[in-house]
């Protein structure tokens, strides 16, 4: 028995119940997600309210910040790491794949020279995004490859980043 067994069993039961609810009431599974942020006065901190939670984002001293929270680019990569990790667990629970441990690290690069150059003509973006998933399990390699494929299809943040999305200013 691993330290994830109890959680995975509970997760599988909850997902099965949620699936039944959504089959019985089509269209009820669509969630409207809203997030807000503002500049908090003299500090320059940017509290981000997501549902009932608030996370303080900041920049480092090189950008007049105080390093009191992650930067926005770190939040994006953090959201990717969290979503990938959760999707491994979710897909494993849905497909009866035993897991002992899941850990995902994500990295990317951001050219700050372009970001702070008032004459810059380039679009600023995080580039070279990659991730490594450390999945430990007693399952055979075919089942773990199947899990990887399921994660590729089922990770909302991964697929949002991978596939162009139009973001409109309202």
N, C-alpha and C. Protein backbone atom coordinates (compact mmCIF):
# COMPACT_ATOMS: atom_id res chain seq x y z
N UNK A 1 0.85 -1.19 0.00
CA UNK A 1 0.00 0.00 0.00
C UNK A 1 0.89 1.24 0.00
N UNK A 2 0.60 2.18 -0.92
CA UNK A 2 1.38 3.41 -0.99
C UNK A 2 0.65 4.53 -0.28
N UNK A 3 1.35 5.64 -0.12
CA UNK A 3 0.72 6.77 0.55
C UNK A 3 -0.34 7.45 -0.32
N UNK A 4 -0.44 7.09 -1.59
CA UNK A 4 -1.48 7.65 -2.46
C UNK A 4 -2.71 6.76 -2.58
N UNK A 5 -2.64 5.52 -2.13
CA UNK A 5 -3.75 4.58 -2.33
C UNK A 5 -5.08 5.10 -1.81
N UNK A 6 -5.10 5.57 -0.59
CA UNK A 6 -6.35 6.04 0.02
C UNK A 6 -6.92 7.22 -0.78
N UNK A 7 -6.05 8.16 -1.12
CA UNK A 7 -6.50 9.31 -1.91
C UNK A 7 -6.99 8.87 -3.28
N UNK A 8 -6.27 7.98 -3.94
CA UNK A 8 -6.66 7.54 -5.28
C UNK A 8 -8.01 6.82 -5.24
N UNK A 9 -8.27 6.04 -4.20
CA UNK A 9 -9.56 5.36 -4.07
C UNK A 9 -10.69 6.38 -3.88
N UNK A 10 -10.45 7.37 -3.04
CA UNK A 10 -11.45 8.42 -2.81
C UNK A 10 -11.67 9.21 -4.10
N UNK A 11 -10.58 9.53 -4.80
CA UNK A 11 -10.66 10.29 -6.05
C UNK A 11 -11.49 9.52 -7.08
N UNK A 12 -11.23 8.23 -7.24
CA UNK A 12 -11.97 7.41 -8.21
C UNK A 12 -13.46 7.40 -7.89
N UNK A 13 -13.81 7.29 -6.61
CA UNK A 13 -15.22 7.26 -6.21
C UNK A 13 -15.89 8.61 -6.49
N UNK A 14 -15.23 9.69 -6.17
CA UNK A 14 -15.79 11.02 -6.41
C UNK A 14 -15.95 11.27 -7.91
N UNK A 15 -14.95 10.88 -8.70
CA UNK A 15 -15.03 11.08 -10.15
C UNK A 15 -16.15 10.25 -10.77
N UNK A 16 -16.36 9.04 -10.28
CA UNK A 16 -17.45 8.20 -10.79
C UNK A 16 -18.80 8.85 -10.49
N UNK A 17 -18.94 9.38 -9.29
CA UNK A 17 -20.19 10.06 -8.92
C UNK A 17 -20.38 11.33 -9.76
N UNK A 18 -19.33 12.08 -9.93
CA UNK A 18 -19.40 13.32 -10.72
C UNK A 18 -19.76 12.98 -12.17
N UNK A 19 -19.19 11.92 -12.71
CA UNK A 19 -19.51 11.50 -14.08
C UNK A 19 -21.00 11.17 -14.20
N UNK A 20 -21.54 10.44 -13.23
CA UNK A 20 -22.96 10.10 -13.26
C UNK A 20 -23.82 11.37 -13.24
N UNK A 21 -23.46 12.33 -12.40
CA UNK A 21 -24.21 13.60 -12.32
C UNK A 21 -24.19 14.32 -13.66
N UNK A 22 -23.04 14.37 -14.29
CA UNK A 22 -22.91 15.10 -15.55
C UNK A 22 -23.61 14.39 -16.70
N UNK A 23 -23.67 13.07 -16.67
CA UNK A 23 -24.40 12.32 -17.69
C UNK A 23 -25.90 12.57 -17.53
N UNK A 24 -26.36 12.61 -16.27
CA UNK A 24 -27.79 12.84 -16.00
C UNK A 24 -28.23 14.26 -16.34
N UNK A 25 -27.30 15.21 -16.25
CA UNK A 25 -27.63 16.63 -16.50
C UNK A 25 -26.62 17.22 -17.48
N UNK A 26 -26.77 16.91 -18.77
CA UNK A 26 -25.82 17.40 -19.76
C UNK A 26 -25.70 18.93 -19.73
N UNK A 27 -24.48 19.41 -19.93
CA UNK A 27 -24.23 20.84 -19.96
C UNK A 27 -23.92 21.46 -18.61
N UNK A 28 -24.13 20.70 -17.54
CA UNK A 28 -23.90 21.27 -16.20
C UNK A 28 -22.43 21.22 -15.80
N UNK A 29 -21.59 20.64 -16.61
CA UNK A 29 -20.17 20.54 -16.28
C UNK A 29 -19.33 21.72 -16.75
N UNK A 30 -19.95 22.68 -17.41
CA UNK A 30 -19.21 23.84 -17.91
C UNK A 30 -19.04 24.84 -16.76
N UNK A 31 -17.78 25.16 -16.48
CA UNK A 31 -17.49 26.10 -15.38
C UNK A 31 -17.02 27.43 -15.95
N UNK A 32 -17.59 28.50 -15.49
CA UNK A 32 -17.14 29.85 -15.85
C UNK A 32 -16.07 30.23 -14.83
N UNK A 33 -14.87 30.47 -15.32
CA UNK A 33 -13.76 30.80 -14.43
C UNK A 33 -13.48 32.30 -14.51
N UNK A 34 -13.40 32.95 -13.37
CA UNK A 34 -13.06 34.36 -13.34
C UNK A 34 -11.97 34.60 -12.30
N UNK A 35 -11.09 35.50 -12.63
CA UNK A 35 -9.95 35.84 -11.77
C UNK A 35 -9.80 37.35 -11.82
N UNK A 36 -9.42 37.96 -10.70
CA UNK A 36 -9.20 39.41 -10.65
C UNK A 36 -7.86 39.71 -10.02
N UNK A 37 -7.28 40.82 -10.46
CA UNK A 37 -6.04 41.31 -9.86
C UNK A 37 -6.04 42.83 -9.91
N UNK A 38 -5.28 43.43 -9.02
CA UNK A 38 -5.11 44.88 -9.03
C UNK A 38 -3.73 45.21 -8.44
N UNK A 39 -3.30 46.44 -8.64
CA UNK A 39 -2.05 46.89 -8.04
C UNK A 39 -2.38 47.43 -6.66
N UNK A 40 -1.71 46.90 -5.66
CA UNK A 40 -2.00 47.27 -4.27
C UNK A 40 -1.15 48.47 -3.84
N UNK A 41 -1.57 49.63 -4.29
CA UNK A 41 -0.97 50.89 -3.86
C UNK A 41 0.54 50.97 -4.00
N UNK A 42 1.16 51.57 -3.02
CA UNK A 42 2.58 51.90 -3.02
C UNK A 42 3.48 50.66 -3.11
N UNK A 43 2.98 49.49 -2.68
CA UNK A 43 3.81 48.28 -2.68
C UNK A 43 4.03 47.72 -4.07
N UNK A 44 3.07 47.94 -4.97
CA UNK A 44 3.15 47.35 -6.30
C UNK A 44 2.76 45.87 -6.32
N UNK A 45 2.42 45.31 -5.16
CA UNK A 45 1.98 43.92 -5.12
C UNK A 45 0.72 43.77 -5.97
N UNK A 46 0.52 42.57 -6.50
CA UNK A 46 -0.65 42.30 -7.31
C UNK A 46 -1.40 41.10 -6.76
N UNK A 47 -2.29 41.34 -5.79
CA UNK A 47 -3.10 40.23 -5.30
C UNK A 47 -3.98 39.70 -6.43
N UNK A 48 -4.03 38.39 -6.55
CA UNK A 48 -4.85 37.75 -7.57
C UNK A 48 -5.89 36.91 -6.84
N UNK A 49 -7.15 37.24 -7.05
CA UNK A 49 -8.24 36.50 -6.43
C UNK A 49 -8.77 35.50 -7.43
N UNK A 50 -8.71 34.23 -7.03
CA UNK A 50 -9.16 33.11 -7.86
C UNK A 50 -10.17 32.35 -7.03
N UNK A 51 -11.44 32.49 -7.38
CA UNK A 51 -12.47 31.88 -6.55
C UNK A 51 -12.43 32.49 -5.16
N UNK A 52 -12.32 31.66 -4.13
CA UNK A 52 -12.28 32.16 -2.76
C UNK A 52 -10.86 32.33 -2.24
N UNK A 53 -9.87 32.22 -3.12
CA UNK A 53 -8.47 32.29 -2.70
C UNK A 53 -7.78 33.51 -3.29
N UNK A 54 -6.85 34.06 -2.53
CA UNK A 54 -6.04 35.17 -3.02
C UNK A 54 -4.58 34.80 -2.88
N UNK A 55 -3.84 34.98 -3.97
CA UNK A 55 -2.40 34.75 -4.00
C UNK A 55 -1.76 36.09 -4.33
N UNK A 56 -0.74 36.46 -3.58
CA UNK A 56 -0.04 37.71 -3.86
C UNK A 56 1.07 37.45 -4.86
N UNK A 57 1.04 38.19 -5.97
CA UNK A 57 2.12 38.09 -6.94
C UNK A 57 2.96 39.36 -6.83
N UNK A 58 4.22 39.24 -7.21
CA UNK A 58 5.15 40.35 -7.09
C UNK A 58 6.26 40.13 -8.11
N UNK A 59 7.11 41.09 -8.21
CA UNK A 59 8.33 40.94 -9.00
C UNK A 59 9.51 41.13 -8.06
N UNK A 60 10.68 40.86 -8.57
CA UNK A 60 11.88 41.03 -7.76
C UNK A 60 12.33 42.48 -7.74
N UNK A 61 13.34 42.78 -6.93
CA UNK A 61 13.87 44.15 -6.83
C UNK A 61 14.32 44.73 -8.17
N UNK A 62 14.76 43.90 -9.10
CA UNK A 62 15.21 44.40 -10.40
C UNK A 62 14.07 45.06 -11.18
N UNK A 63 12.81 44.79 -10.79
CA UNK A 63 11.65 45.42 -11.42
C UNK A 63 10.85 46.22 -10.39
N UNK A 64 11.52 46.69 -9.35
CA UNK A 64 10.92 47.51 -8.28
C UNK A 64 9.95 46.73 -7.41
N UNK A 65 10.08 45.40 -7.40
CA UNK A 65 9.23 44.59 -6.54
C UNK A 65 9.94 44.24 -5.25
N UNK A 66 9.28 43.43 -4.44
CA UNK A 66 9.79 43.04 -3.12
C UNK A 66 9.98 41.53 -2.97
N UNK A 67 9.74 40.77 -4.04
CA UNK A 67 9.84 39.30 -4.00
C UNK A 67 8.97 38.70 -2.89
N UNK A 68 7.76 39.23 -2.76
CA UNK A 68 6.85 38.73 -1.72
C UNK A 68 5.89 37.66 -2.25
N UNK A 69 6.05 37.31 -3.50
CA UNK A 69 5.22 36.27 -4.09
C UNK A 69 5.77 35.94 -5.46
N UNK A 70 5.21 34.95 -6.08
CA UNK A 70 5.68 34.57 -7.42
C UNK A 70 5.36 35.66 -8.43
N UNK A 71 6.15 35.70 -9.50
CA UNK A 71 5.85 36.61 -10.60
C UNK A 71 4.73 36.01 -11.45
N UNK A 72 4.17 36.83 -12.31
CA UNK A 72 3.11 36.34 -13.19
C UNK A 72 3.58 35.19 -14.08
N UNK A 73 4.77 35.28 -14.70
CA UNK A 73 5.24 34.14 -15.49
C UNK A 73 5.42 32.88 -14.64
N UNK A 74 5.89 33.04 -13.41
CA UNK A 74 6.02 31.87 -12.52
C UNK A 74 4.64 31.30 -12.20
N UNK A 75 3.65 32.16 -12.04
CA UNK A 75 2.29 31.68 -11.78
C UNK A 75 1.78 30.84 -12.95
N UNK A 76 2.06 31.29 -14.18
CA UNK A 76 1.63 30.53 -15.35
C UNK A 76 2.29 29.15 -15.36
N UNK A 77 3.60 29.12 -15.15
CA UNK A 77 4.30 27.83 -15.13
C UNK A 77 3.84 26.99 -13.94
N UNK A 78 3.56 27.65 -12.82
CA UNK A 78 3.04 26.94 -11.65
C UNK A 78 1.67 26.34 -11.92
N UNK A 79 0.83 27.08 -12.64
CA UNK A 79 -0.49 26.55 -13.00
C UNK A 79 -0.33 25.33 -13.90
N UNK A 80 0.64 25.38 -14.81
CA UNK A 80 0.90 24.23 -15.68
C UNK A 80 1.37 23.03 -14.86
N UNK A 81 2.32 23.25 -13.95
CA UNK A 81 2.82 22.14 -13.13
C UNK A 81 1.71 21.54 -12.28
N UNK A 82 0.89 22.39 -11.68
CA UNK A 82 -0.21 21.90 -10.85
C UNK A 82 -1.23 21.13 -11.67
N UNK A 83 -1.57 21.66 -12.85
CA UNK A 83 -2.57 21.00 -13.68
C UNK A 83 -2.05 19.66 -14.21
N UNK A 84 -0.80 19.63 -14.62
CA UNK A 84 -0.22 18.35 -15.07
C UNK A 84 -0.23 17.33 -13.94
N UNK A 85 0.20 17.73 -12.76
CA UNK A 85 0.24 16.81 -11.62
C UNK A 85 -1.16 16.29 -11.32
N UNK A 86 -2.14 17.20 -11.28
CA UNK A 86 -3.51 16.78 -11.01
C UNK A 86 -4.05 15.89 -12.11
N UNK A 87 -3.70 16.18 -13.36
CA UNK A 87 -4.21 15.37 -14.47
C UNK A 87 -3.64 13.96 -14.44
N UNK A 88 -2.39 13.80 -14.02
CA UNK A 88 -1.85 12.44 -13.83
C UNK A 88 -2.69 11.68 -12.83
N UNK A 89 -3.02 12.32 -11.71
CA UNK A 89 -3.82 11.67 -10.67
C UNK A 89 -5.23 11.40 -11.19
N UNK A 90 -5.83 12.40 -11.82
CA UNK A 90 -7.19 12.27 -12.33
C UNK A 90 -7.30 11.13 -13.34
N UNK A 91 -6.40 11.11 -14.33
CA UNK A 91 -6.47 10.07 -15.35
C UNK A 91 -6.14 8.68 -14.77
N UNK A 92 -5.22 8.64 -13.82
CA UNK A 92 -4.91 7.36 -13.18
C UNK A 92 -6.14 6.84 -12.44
N UNK A 93 -6.84 7.73 -11.75
CA UNK A 93 -8.05 7.31 -11.02
C UNK A 93 -9.14 6.86 -11.99
N UNK A 94 -9.30 7.56 -13.09
CA UNK A 94 -10.34 7.20 -14.07
C UNK A 94 -10.05 5.88 -14.78
N UNK A 95 -8.76 5.53 -14.91
CA UNK A 95 -8.38 4.35 -15.69
C UNK A 95 -7.74 3.25 -14.84
N UNK A 96 -7.94 3.34 -13.54
CA UNK A 96 -7.48 2.30 -12.60
C UNK A 96 -5.98 2.01 -12.79
N UNK A 97 -5.19 3.09 -12.80
CA UNK A 97 -3.74 2.97 -12.88
C UNK A 97 -3.17 3.33 -11.52
N UNK A 98 -2.47 2.41 -10.91
CA UNK A 98 -1.93 2.61 -9.57
C UNK A 98 -0.75 3.57 -9.61
N UNK A 99 -0.72 4.52 -8.68
CA UNK A 99 0.38 5.48 -8.58
C UNK A 99 0.99 5.44 -7.19
N UNK A 100 2.30 5.58 -7.13
CA UNK A 100 2.99 5.70 -5.85
C UNK A 100 3.40 7.15 -5.58
N UNK A 101 3.75 7.86 -6.65
CA UNK A 101 4.26 9.23 -6.50
C UNK A 101 4.14 9.94 -7.85
N UNK A 102 3.79 11.22 -7.81
CA UNK A 102 3.76 12.05 -9.02
C UNK A 102 4.36 13.40 -8.66
N UNK A 103 5.32 13.82 -9.46
CA UNK A 103 5.93 15.14 -9.29
C UNK A 103 6.25 15.67 -10.68
N UNK A 104 5.89 16.92 -10.92
CA UNK A 104 6.12 17.53 -12.22
C UNK A 104 6.91 18.82 -12.02
N UNK A 105 7.98 18.97 -12.78
CA UNK A 105 8.68 20.26 -12.78
C UNK A 105 8.58 20.85 -14.18
N UNK A 106 8.41 22.16 -14.21
CA UNK A 106 8.21 22.91 -15.45
C UNK A 106 9.26 24.01 -15.51
N UNK A 107 9.76 24.28 -16.69
CA UNK A 107 10.70 25.38 -16.86
C UNK A 107 10.39 26.12 -18.15
N UNK A 108 10.89 27.33 -18.24
CA UNK A 108 10.74 28.16 -19.43
C UNK A 108 11.69 29.33 -19.32
N UNK A 109 11.83 30.08 -20.40
CA UNK A 109 12.71 31.25 -20.39
C UNK A 109 11.91 32.49 -20.76
N UNK A 110 12.35 33.62 -20.20
CA UNK A 110 11.73 34.90 -20.49
C UNK A 110 12.85 35.92 -20.62
N UNK A 111 12.93 36.58 -21.76
CA UNK A 111 13.98 37.57 -22.01
C UNK A 111 13.57 38.90 -21.39
N UNK A 112 14.11 39.18 -20.22
CA UNK A 112 13.77 40.40 -19.50
C UNK A 112 14.34 41.64 -20.18
N UNK A 113 15.43 41.48 -20.96
CA UNK A 113 15.98 42.63 -21.68
C UNK A 113 14.94 43.21 -22.63
N UNK A 114 14.20 42.34 -23.30
CA UNK A 114 13.14 42.80 -24.19
C UNK A 114 11.96 43.38 -23.39
N UNK A 115 11.66 42.77 -22.27
CA UNK A 115 10.50 43.18 -21.47
C UNK A 115 10.65 44.60 -20.93
N UNK A 116 11.86 45.04 -20.63
CA UNK A 116 12.05 46.37 -20.04
C UNK A 116 12.60 47.39 -21.04
N UNK A 117 12.70 47.03 -22.30
CA UNK A 117 13.22 47.93 -23.33
C UNK A 117 12.08 48.75 -23.92
N UNK A 118 12.05 50.08 -23.69
CA UNK A 118 10.94 50.88 -24.22
C UNK A 118 10.88 50.90 -25.75
N UNK A 119 11.99 50.58 -26.40
CA UNK A 119 12.02 50.56 -27.86
C UNK A 119 11.77 49.17 -28.44
N UNK A 120 11.47 48.21 -27.58
CA UNK A 120 11.29 46.83 -28.04
C UNK A 120 10.12 46.73 -29.01
N UNK A 121 10.32 45.99 -30.08
CA UNK A 121 9.28 45.75 -31.07
C UNK A 121 8.85 44.28 -31.10
N UNK A 122 9.44 43.47 -30.22
CA UNK A 122 9.14 42.04 -30.20
C UNK A 122 8.00 41.75 -29.23
N UNK A 123 7.24 40.73 -29.54
CA UNK A 123 6.22 40.25 -28.62
C UNK A 123 6.91 39.49 -27.49
N UNK A 124 6.57 39.84 -26.27
CA UNK A 124 7.17 39.21 -25.10
C UNK A 124 6.37 37.96 -24.76
N UNK A 125 7.05 36.85 -24.59
CA UNK A 125 6.38 35.60 -24.22
C UNK A 125 7.37 34.68 -23.52
N UNK A 126 6.85 33.81 -22.70
CA UNK A 126 7.66 32.75 -22.11
C UNK A 126 7.94 31.75 -23.22
N UNK A 127 9.19 31.39 -23.37
CA UNK A 127 9.58 30.46 -24.44
C UNK A 127 10.23 29.23 -23.84
N UNK A 128 10.48 28.27 -24.69
CA UNK A 128 11.19 27.04 -24.30
C UNK A 128 10.53 26.35 -23.10
N UNK A 129 9.22 26.33 -23.09
CA UNK A 129 8.51 25.69 -21.98
C UNK A 129 8.64 24.18 -22.12
N UNK A 130 9.04 23.54 -21.04
CA UNK A 130 9.13 22.08 -21.03
C UNK A 130 8.77 21.58 -19.64
N UNK A 131 8.42 20.31 -19.58
CA UNK A 131 8.14 19.72 -18.27
C UNK A 131 8.72 18.31 -18.20
N UNK A 132 8.95 17.91 -16.97
CA UNK A 132 9.38 16.54 -16.69
C UNK A 132 8.44 15.98 -15.63
N UNK A 133 7.89 14.83 -15.91
CA UNK A 133 7.00 14.17 -14.96
C UNK A 133 7.72 12.98 -14.34
N UNK A 134 7.84 13.00 -13.04
CA UNK A 134 8.40 11.87 -12.29
C UNK A 134 7.22 11.08 -11.74
N UNK A 135 6.86 10.01 -12.44
CA UNK A 135 5.72 9.18 -12.06
C UNK A 135 6.27 7.85 -11.59
N UNK A 136 5.99 7.52 -10.35
CA UNK A 136 6.44 6.24 -9.80
C UNK A 136 5.23 5.35 -9.59
N UNK A 137 5.35 4.12 -10.08
CA UNK A 137 4.23 3.19 -10.04
C UNK A 137 4.76 1.78 -10.25
N UNK A 138 4.00 0.81 -9.79
CA UNK A 138 4.34 -0.59 -10.05
C UNK A 138 3.72 -1.08 -11.36
N UNK A 139 3.00 -0.19 -12.06
CA UNK A 139 2.38 -0.56 -13.33
C UNK A 139 3.46 -0.79 -14.38
N UNK A 140 3.13 -1.58 -15.40
CA UNK A 140 4.11 -1.82 -16.46
C UNK A 140 4.24 -0.59 -17.34
N UNK A 141 5.29 -0.55 -18.14
CA UNK A 141 5.60 0.63 -18.94
C UNK A 141 4.49 0.96 -19.95
N UNK A 142 3.78 -0.04 -20.44
CA UNK A 142 2.68 0.22 -21.37
C UNK A 142 1.56 1.02 -20.71
N UNK A 143 1.24 0.68 -19.47
CA UNK A 143 0.19 1.42 -18.74
C UNK A 143 0.65 2.85 -18.46
N UNK A 144 1.92 3.03 -18.16
CA UNK A 144 2.43 4.38 -17.88
C UNK A 144 2.48 5.21 -19.17
N UNK A 145 2.78 4.58 -20.30
CA UNK A 145 2.72 5.29 -21.58
C UNK A 145 1.28 5.69 -21.89
N UNK A 146 0.34 4.80 -21.58
CA UNK A 146 -1.08 5.11 -21.75
C UNK A 146 -1.45 6.31 -20.88
N UNK A 147 -0.96 6.32 -19.65
CA UNK A 147 -1.24 7.44 -18.74
C UNK A 147 -0.67 8.74 -19.31
N UNK A 148 0.55 8.71 -19.81
CA UNK A 148 1.13 9.90 -20.43
C UNK A 148 0.26 10.41 -21.58
N UNK A 149 -0.23 9.51 -22.42
CA UNK A 149 -1.09 9.90 -23.54
C UNK A 149 -2.39 10.53 -23.04
N UNK A 150 -2.96 9.96 -21.99
CA UNK A 150 -4.19 10.50 -21.41
C UNK A 150 -3.97 11.90 -20.84
N UNK A 151 -2.82 12.10 -20.23
CA UNK A 151 -2.48 13.42 -19.67
C UNK A 151 -2.32 14.43 -20.79
N UNK A 152 -1.69 14.03 -21.88
CA UNK A 152 -1.51 14.93 -23.02
C UNK A 152 -2.85 15.45 -23.54
N UNK A 153 -3.84 14.60 -23.54
CA UNK A 153 -5.16 14.99 -24.02
C UNK A 153 -5.99 15.68 -22.96
N UNK A 154 -5.75 15.35 -21.69
CA UNK A 154 -6.66 15.78 -20.63
C UNK A 154 -6.21 16.93 -19.76
N UNK A 155 -5.05 17.51 -20.02
CA UNK A 155 -4.57 18.60 -19.18
C UNK A 155 -5.01 19.94 -19.77
N UNK A 156 -5.94 20.60 -19.11
CA UNK A 156 -6.53 21.83 -19.64
C UNK A 156 -5.50 22.94 -19.81
N UNK A 157 -4.63 23.14 -18.84
CA UNK A 157 -3.65 24.22 -18.94
C UNK A 157 -2.62 23.90 -20.02
N UNK A 158 -2.15 22.67 -20.07
CA UNK A 158 -1.20 22.27 -21.11
C UNK A 158 -1.78 22.54 -22.50
N UNK A 159 -3.00 22.11 -22.71
CA UNK A 159 -3.61 22.26 -24.04
C UNK A 159 -3.98 23.70 -24.35
N UNK A 160 -4.28 24.51 -23.33
CA UNK A 160 -4.53 25.93 -23.56
C UNK A 160 -3.25 26.62 -24.01
N UNK A 161 -2.14 26.28 -23.40
CA UNK A 161 -0.85 26.87 -23.79
C UNK A 161 -0.43 26.38 -25.17
N UNK A 162 -0.61 25.10 -25.42
CA UNK A 162 -0.16 24.51 -26.68
C UNK A 162 -0.94 24.99 -27.89
N UNK A 163 -2.22 25.24 -27.71
CA UNK A 163 -3.10 25.57 -28.83
C UNK A 163 -3.50 27.04 -28.71
N UNK A 164 -3.24 27.77 -29.75
CA UNK A 164 -3.54 29.21 -29.73
C UNK A 164 -4.96 29.47 -29.28
N UNK A 165 -5.09 30.43 -28.42
CA UNK A 165 -6.37 30.89 -27.93
C UNK A 165 -6.48 32.37 -28.22
N UNK A 166 -7.63 32.79 -28.68
CA UNK A 166 -7.84 34.22 -28.82
C UNK A 166 -8.21 34.76 -27.45
N UNK A 167 -7.46 35.74 -26.99
CA UNK A 167 -7.79 36.41 -25.72
C UNK A 167 -8.21 37.82 -26.09
N UNK A 168 -9.46 38.13 -25.79
CA UNK A 168 -10.03 39.42 -26.17
C UNK A 168 -10.05 40.37 -24.98
N UNK A 169 -9.77 41.61 -25.24
CA UNK A 169 -9.94 42.64 -24.22
C UNK A 169 -11.40 43.04 -24.22
N UNK A 170 -12.05 42.98 -23.05
CA UNK A 170 -13.48 43.34 -22.97
C UNK A 170 -13.62 44.81 -22.65
